[in-house]
Amino acid sequence: MSRMLTRKTCFIFILILFLLAGCQPGAPNTKTNSEGSSNSGSADSKTLTIWHVETGAGEESIKNAAKRFEEKHPGVAVKVVRQENDPYKTKLSVAMGGGNPPDVFHSWGGGWLKNFVDAGQVYDITGEIDKDSYLEAAISPATYEEKVYGVPIGMDIVPVWYNKEIFEKYGLKEPETYDELITIVKKLKANNIIPFALANKSKWPGSFYMMYLAERIGGKDLFNEAYERTGRGFDDEAYVQAAAKIQELVKMGAFPDGVNGLNYDTGQSRQLLYSNKAAMEIQGSWIIGNIRNEMPEFEKKLGFFLFPAVEGGKGSAKDIVGGVSPVFSVAEKSVNKDLAIELVKELGSKETAEEMANKNGGISAVRGVNYEDEYVKKINEVLESAEYMQTYYDQTLPTAVATEHLDTTQGIFGLSMTPEDAVKKVEKKAEEIIK
């Protein structure tokens, strides 16, 4: 009898557990892959993923925008995924090609974004946003055939940053001509200081030198003529001279040893500045955010000037190299396009742009931003007084031509090819690709 009661009791207990389990809510249906994309989930997924490459205060601004979006859209989660700058380009291409990209992704506009647009991988947001809220120079790199494919948040310029204490110690002044800059290089070398901190493993930092020298020698129309195939090419004598001047700097010891093996993303060039081993660095205005994140006390030593004019050249010291970043776009494969568009609007809001500008040292691409940061005010003044802005070659050119430009420029720094051979390779690739 006792055994029968025990079995009955066990049966009732198991039945109760079964009924209770049946009343529990099921697991969420949203699926995410290792990179955080939610596109493999069902159409009912309420998780959006952003890929970006911002660091420090810039990354915080993006996270804050994501939080505001979540507050405005209860039940919707945003996964913010920061990628390393250089691997990101390949990683996004693979994700796009595999049909599993993030809902919202970072770009720089220009030819790089256009590749994805041409492949039908970016959603057209024309009419979904107020185009007049953004500076024309900022939104145009994300506009193709009058259709808008991205929202810009910030703009950057690329000046020559320098350590004011080192300049003062050795009686150096901001140069007005390239010859004066060479004099500074020689003076610094004589005192065992590396003139230019440069980490060129990823190739784009060295490209700044090629862009500036070519523009200063050949003038502001040089690149557009070569890019649009309307006049001079990428093998023009101005490019040959620019490459030759880079190699002159290399032979003078203007850069750190093993420059093509140093990594900007890991801060190797900036460490040379922080430790007073190097005096200058040609780099984008995003370096302010890097410094504030890594060594804020160095900011008081920081000054900047525009790359000087080259004697006899057609370019002006008021012509600057710059670009737009970040630009946020919606992937065509996103299963939550309406929400992704709203997220892009939040990312491209005045609130986000103002926070990024004043905390990360960038110029706002959004109209009406109030600048509090003194560096940003100065950079904005430079941008407003600039006569011409040369956008980054590697973001403007078609990918194949941009890659050739970066590869050959790195070869110029490594003294592994002559200036003539380097520019001929770029021109040959342009002839093949640009129609």
Foldseek 3Di string as FASTA:
>chain_A
DVVVVVVVVVVVVVVVVVVVVVPDDDDDQFDADPQGARLVGDLPDQEAEEEEADDFLLLVLLVVLQVVLCVVPPPHHYHYGHDHVQVVLVVQVVCLVVLGHTQKYWDFAAQSVVVCVVVVWFDFCVVVDDPVQFDPQFQVSQADPNTGFWFFWFKKFWFKKFFQVVCVVQVHDDDQEVVSVVVVLLSCVVVQAQAEQAACQSLQQLVQQLVVQLCLAAHPCQVVCQLQVPDDHLLDVSSQVSLVVLLVCLVSRNYDPPNNHGDVSVPPSVVSVVVRRYTIYGDMQLVQSVCCVPPVVSVVRMDTAADHHYPPGHYHSLETEMGTPTIMTGTPSHSPNVSSSVSSCSCNDLSSSLSCCANRVTHTRGPDHDHDHPSNVVRVVSVVRRPYYHYRPCRHHNPQLSVLLSVLSSCSSVVVDRSNVSSVSSRVSSVVPPD
